[in-house]
Amino acid sequence: MEHIDHALVNRFDTPRSSRPCEFCRELDPQFPERRPLDQMVAGSRKAIASAHLTEDGYVRHRVLELRRMASRVPLTAA
Protein backbone atom coordinates (compact mmCIF):
# COMPACT_ATOMS: atom_id res chain seq x y z
CA MET A 1 0.00 0.00 0.00
CA GLU A 2 1.33 3.42 -0.96
CA HIS A 3 2.12 5.82 1.86
CA ILE A 4 0.36 9.19 1.53
CA ASP A 5 1.78 11.98 3.63
CA HIS A 6 -1.18 13.59 5.42
CA ALA A 7 0.58 16.97 5.61
CA LEU A 8 1.08 16.97 1.86
CA VAL A 9 -2.58 16.17 1.25
CA ASN A 10 -3.68 19.01 3.55
CA ARG A 11 -1.33 21.46 1.84
CA PHE A 12 -3.05 20.97 -1.51
CA ASP A 13 -6.59 20.50 -0.23
CA THR A 14 -7.50 24.05 -1.24
CA PRO A 15 -11.31 23.94 -1.24
CA ARG A 16 -11.37 23.41 2.51
CA SER A 17 -8.39 25.53 3.47
CA SER A 18 -8.79 28.57 1.21
CA ARG A 19 -11.28 31.05 -0.16
CA PRO A 20 -11.32 33.81 -2.80
CA CYS A 21 -9.75 37.10 -1.71
CA GLU A 22 -12.57 39.58 -1.07
CA PHE A 23 -10.24 42.60 -1.40
CA CYS A 24 -9.06 41.54 -4.86
CA ARG A 25 -12.54 40.51 -5.92
CA GLU A 26 -13.87 44.00 -5.13
CA LEU A 27 -11.02 46.05 -6.60
CA ASP A 28 -9.63 44.06 -9.52
CA PRO A 29 -11.78 44.11 -12.67
CA GLN A 30 -9.62 41.26 -14.04
CA PHE A 31 -10.15 39.07 -10.98
CA PRO A 32 -12.33 36.49 -12.82
CA GLU A 33 -9.58 36.01 -15.44
CA ARG A 34 -6.92 35.13 -12.84
CA ARG A 35 -5.86 31.53 -12.44
CA PRO A 36 -7.99 29.95 -9.68
CA LEU A 37 -5.07 29.54 -7.25
CA ASP A 38 -4.07 33.19 -7.77
CA GLN A 39 -7.51 34.22 -6.51
CA MET A 40 -7.27 32.26 -3.28
CA VAL A 41 -6.12 33.20 0.22
CA ALA A 42 -5.60 30.95 3.23
CA GLY A 43 -8.97 30.36 4.84
CA SER A 44 -7.74 31.02 8.36
CA ARG A 45 -6.32 34.48 7.57
CA LYS A 46 -7.66 37.89 6.63
CA ALA A 47 -7.72 38.95 2.97
CA ILE A 48 -4.20 40.40 2.99
CA ALA A 49 -1.44 40.05 0.42
CA SER A 50 0.63 37.58 2.44
CA ALA A 51 -2.38 35.26 2.80
CA HIS A 52 -2.39 34.55 -0.95
CA LEU A 53 -1.46 31.01 -1.93
CA THR A 54 0.68 32.03 -4.90
CA GLU A 55 3.34 34.63 -5.52
CA ASP A 56 1.38 36.03 -8.46
CA GLY A 57 -1.70 36.45 -6.24
CA TYR A 58 0.44 38.20 -3.63
CA VAL A 59 1.96 40.61 -6.18
CA ARG A 60 -1.39 41.47 -7.76
CA HIS A 61 -2.85 42.14 -4.30
CA ARG A 62 0.04 44.46 -3.42
CA VAL A 63 -0.35 46.33 -6.73
CA LEU A 64 -4.02 46.90 -5.90
CA GLU A 65 -3.10 48.17 -2.42
CA LEU A 66 -0.51 50.56 -3.86
CA ARG A 67 -2.92 51.87 -6.50
CA ARG A 68 -5.51 52.45 -3.82
CA MET A 69 -3.00 54.34 -1.67
CA ALA A 70 -1.82 56.43 -4.62
CA SER A 71 -5.35 57.40 -5.60
CA ARG A 72 -6.16 58.89 -2.20
CA VAL A 73 -5.97 62.65 -1.80
CA PRO A 74 -2.84 63.46 0.23
CA LEU A 75 -3.22 65.27 3.51
CA THR A 76 -1.89 68.82 3.44
CA ALA A 77 -0.36 70.67 6.34
CA ALA A 78 -2.45 73.61 7.47
C-alpha atoms as a PDB file:
ATOM      1  CA  MET A   1       0.000   0.000   0.000  1.00  0.00           C
ATOM      2  CA  GLU A   2       1.327   3.425  -0.959  1.00  0.00           C
ATOM      3  CA  HIS A   3       2.123   5.824   1.860  1.00  0.00           C
ATOM      4  CA  ILE A   4       0.359   9.191   1.527  1.00  0.00           C
ATOM      5  CA  ASP A   5       1.775  11.984   3.628  1.00  0.00           C
ATOM      6  CA  HIS A   6      -1.184  13.593   5.422  1.00  0.00           C
ATOM      7  CA  ALA A   7       0.584  16.972   5.615  1.00  0.00           C
ATOM      8  CA  LEU A   8       1.079  16.973   1.859  1.00  0.00           C
ATOM      9  CA  VAL A   9      -2.583  16.174   1.250  1.00  0.00           C
ATOM     10  CA  ASN A  10      -3.680  19.011   3.553  1.00  0.00           C
ATOM     11  CA  ARG A  11      -1.328  21.457   1.837  1.00  0.00           C
ATOM     12  CA  PHE A  12      -3.045  20.971  -1.511  1.00  0.00           C
ATOM     13  CA  ASP A  13      -6.586  20.495  -0.230  1.00  0.00           C
ATOM     14  CA  THR A  14      -7.497  24.047  -1.241  1.00  0.00           C
ATOM     15  CA  PRO A  15     -11.310  23.942  -1.239  1.00  0.00           C
ATOM     16  CA  ARG A  16     -11.368  23.407   2.506  1.00  0.00           C
ATOM     17  CA  SER A  17      -8.385  25.525   3.468  1.00  0.00           C
ATOM     18  CA  SER A  18      -8.786  28.565   1.208  1.00  0.00           C
ATOM     19  CA  ARG A  19     -11.284  31.050  -0.160  1.00  0.00           C
ATOM     20  CA  PRO A  20     -11.321  33.809  -2.803  1.00  0.00           C
ATOM     21  CA  CYS A  21      -9.747  37.099  -1.714  1.00  0.00           C
ATOM     22  CA  GLU A  22     -12.568  39.581  -1.073  1.00  0.00           C
ATOM     23  CA  PHE A  23     -10.236  42.597  -1.400  1.00  0.00           C
ATOM     24  CA  CYS A  24      -9.058  41.543  -4.857  1.00  0.00           C
ATOM     25  CA  ARG A  25     -12.538  40.506  -5.922  1.00  0.00           C
ATOM     26  CA  GLU A  26     -13.874  43.995  -5.132  1.00  0.00           C
ATOM     27  CA  LEU A  27     -11.023  46.049  -6.597  1.00  0.00           C
ATOM     28  CA  ASP A  28      -9.629  44.060  -9.520  1.00  0.00           C
ATOM     29  CA  PRO A  29     -11.781  44.110 -12.673  1.00  0.00           C
ATOM     30  CA  GLN A  30      -9.621  41.263 -14.045  1.00  0.00           C
ATOM     31  CA  PHE A  31     -10.147  39.068 -10.978  1.00  0.00           C
ATOM     32  CA  PRO A  32     -12.326  36.486 -12.818  1.00  0.00           C
ATOM     33  CA  GLU A  33      -9.576  36.012 -15.442  1.00  0.00           C
ATOM     34  CA  ARG A  34      -6.918  35.135 -12.843  1.00  0.00           C
ATOM     35  CA  ARG A  35      -5.864  31.525 -12.440  1.00  0.00           C
ATOM     36  CA  PRO A  36      -7.993  29.947  -9.685  1.00  0.00           C
ATOM     37  CA  LEU A  37      -5.066  29.542  -7.248  1.00  0.00           C
ATOM     38  CA  ASP A  38      -4.073  33.193  -7.775  1.00  0.00           C
ATOM     39  CA  GLN A  39      -7.510  34.223  -6.505  1.00  0.00           C
ATOM     40  CA  MET A  40      -7.265  32.257  -3.278  1.00  0.00           C
ATOM     41  CA  VAL A  41      -6.117  33.200   0.216  1.00  0.00           C
ATOM     42  CA  ALA A  42      -5.603  30.950   3.226  1.00  0.00           C
ATOM     43  CA  GLY A  43      -8.969  30.357   4.844  1.00  0.00           C
ATOM     44  CA  SER A  44      -7.740  31.015   8.361  1.00  0.00           C
ATOM     45  CA  ARG A  45      -6.324  34.478   7.570  1.00  0.00           C
ATOM     46  CA  LYS A  46      -7.657  37.891   6.630  1.00  0.00           C
ATOM     47  CA  ALA A  47      -7.722  38.951   2.972  1.00  0.00           C
ATOM     48  CA  ILE A  48      -4.195  40.404   2.990  1.00  0.00           C
ATOM     49  CA  ALA A  49      -1.438  40.049   0.418  1.00  0.00           C
ATOM     50  CA  SER A  50       0.626  37.584   2.444  1.00  0.00           C
ATOM     51  CA  ALA A  51      -2.376  35.260   2.797  1.00  0.00           C
ATOM     52  CA  HIS A  52      -2.392  34.552  -0.953  1.00  0.00           C
ATOM     53  CA  LEU A  53      -1.457  31.009  -1.927  1.00  0.00           C
ATOM     54  CA  THR A  54       0.680  32.032  -4.903  1.00  0.00           C
ATOM     55  CA  GLU A  55       3.342  34.633  -5.523  1.00  0.00           C
ATOM     56  CA  ASP A  56       1.378  36.034  -8.460  1.00  0.00           C
ATOM     57  CA  GLY A  57      -1.696  36.452  -6.244  1.00  0.00           C
ATOM     58  CA  TYR A  58       0.440  38.203  -3.627  1.00  0.00           C
ATOM     59  CA  VAL A  59       1.962  40.606  -6.183  1.00  0.00           C
ATOM     60  CA  ARG A  60      -1.390  41.467  -7.760  1.00  0.00           C
ATOM     61  CA  HIS A  61      -2.855  42.137  -4.301  1.00  0.00           C
ATOM     62  CA  ARG A  62       0.039  44.462  -3.416  1.00  0.00           C
ATOM     63  CA  VAL A  63      -0.355  46.334  -6.728  1.00  0.00           C
ATOM     64  CA  LEU A  64      -4.022  46.905  -5.901  1.00  0.00           C
ATOM     65  CA  GLU A  65      -3.096  48.168  -2.424  1.00  0.00           C
ATOM     66  CA  LEU A  66      -0.513  50.556  -3.856  1.00  0.00           C
ATOM     67  CA  ARG A  67      -2.925  51.869  -6.505  1.00  0.00           C
ATOM     68  CA  ARG A  68      -5.506  52.447  -3.819  1.00  0.00           C
ATOM     69  CA  MET A  69      -3.003  54.343  -1.666  1.00  0.00           C
ATOM     70  CA  ALA A  70      -1.817  56.429  -4.623  1.00  0.00           C
ATOM     71  CA  SER A  71      -5.355  57.405  -5.600  1.00  0.00           C
ATOM     72  CA  ARG A  72      -6.164  58.895  -2.199  1.00  0.00           C
ATOM     73  CA  VAL A  73      -5.975  62.647  -1.796  1.00  0.00           C
ATOM     74  CA  PRO A  74      -2.838  63.461   0.226  1.00  0.00           C
ATOM     75  CA  LEU A  75      -3.222  65.266   3.508  1.00  0.00           C
ATOM     76  CA  THR A  76      -1.888  68.820   3.435  1.00  0.00           C
ATOM     77  CA  ALA A  77      -0.362  70.671   6.339  1.00  0.00           C
ATOM     78  CA  ALA A  78      -2.450  73.610   7.467  1.00  0.00           C
END
